[in-house]
């Protein structure tokens, strides 16, 4: 691998490879952030559904007592 790296022209090693690495890192970063955002959004929606369900149960119990 070291021989292959040394056989590349200097402009490829100094310009092209860092740009490709930055593009790959940018895509990985956005994929991770999107995954975290999706998990947070799912958790918020689940909490809303659980809260609504709890309110319904409380209201049904109060209505049943009356």
Protein backbone atom coordinates (compact mmCIF):
# COMPACT_ATOMS: atom_id res chain seq x y z
CA UNK A 1 0.00 0.00 0.00
CA UNK A 2 2.88 2.35 0.78
CA UNK A 3 4.28 1.75 -2.69
CA UNK A 4 0.93 2.57 -4.26
CA UNK A 5 0.67 5.75 -2.20
CA UNK A 6 4.17 6.85 -3.21
CA UNK A 7 3.44 6.09 -6.86
CA UNK A 8 0.57 8.60 -6.92
CA UNK A 9 1.35 12.06 -8.25
CA UNK A 10 1.79 14.76 -5.61
CA UNK A 11 -1.33 16.66 -6.64
CA UNK A 12 -3.43 13.54 -6.16
CA UNK A 13 -2.01 12.94 -2.70
CA UNK A 14 -2.28 16.59 -1.65
CA UNK A 15 -5.54 17.65 -3.33
CA UNK A 16 -7.74 14.79 -4.53
CA UNK A 17 -7.40 12.42 -1.58
CA UNK A 18 -8.20 15.05 1.10
CA UNK A 19 -11.25 16.22 -0.88
CA UNK A 20 -12.53 12.66 -1.23
CA UNK A 21 -11.93 12.05 2.48
CA UNK A 22 -13.82 15.24 3.39
CA UNK A 23 -16.77 14.25 1.18
CA UNK A 24 -16.92 10.78 2.74
CA UNK A 25 -16.69 12.21 6.28
CA UNK A 26 -19.39 14.79 5.48
CA UNK A 27 -21.73 12.05 4.25
CA UNK A 28 -21.03 9.87 7.29
CA UNK A 29 -21.63 12.83 9.62
CA UNK A 30 -24.99 13.63 8.02
CA UNK A 31 -26.00 9.97 8.10
CA UNK A 32 -25.28 9.81 11.84
CA UNK A 33 -27.07 13.11 12.50
CA UNK A 34 -30.07 11.94 10.47
CA UNK A 35 -30.21 8.71 12.42
CA UNK A 36 -30.06 10.54 15.74
CA UNK A 37 -32.73 12.98 14.55
CA UNK A 38 -35.00 10.13 13.49
CA UNK A 39 -34.58 8.39 16.85
CA UNK A 40 -35.35 11.62 18.74
CA UNK A 41 -38.40 12.30 16.55
CA UNK A 42 -39.65 8.75 17.13
CA UNK A 43 -39.17 9.12 20.89
CA UNK A 44 -41.10 12.40 20.94
CA UNK A 45 -43.96 10.90 18.94
CA UNK A 46 -44.03 7.85 21.21
CA UNK A 47 -44.19 10.09 24.30
CA UNK A 48 -47.06 12.06 22.78
CA UNK A 49 -48.99 8.87 22.03
CA UNK A 50 -48.38 7.54 25.54
CA UNK A 51 -49.51 10.86 27.04
CA UNK A 52 -52.70 10.88 24.99
CA UNK A 53 -53.38 7.26 25.91
CA UNK A 54 -52.88 8.05 29.61
CA UNK A 55 -55.27 10.99 29.37
CA UNK A 56 -57.89 8.81 27.69
CA UNK A 57 -57.55 6.13 30.37
CA UNK A 58 -57.93 8.72 33.14
CA UNK A 59 -60.99 10.25 31.47
CA UNK A 60 -62.60 6.83 30.91
CA UNK A 61 -62.04 5.90 34.58
CA UNK A 62 -63.56 9.19 35.74
CA UNK A 63 -66.53 8.69 33.42
CA UNK A 64 -67.03 5.14 34.68
CA UNK A 65 -67.20 6.34 38.31
CA UNK A 66 -69.91 8.88 37.54
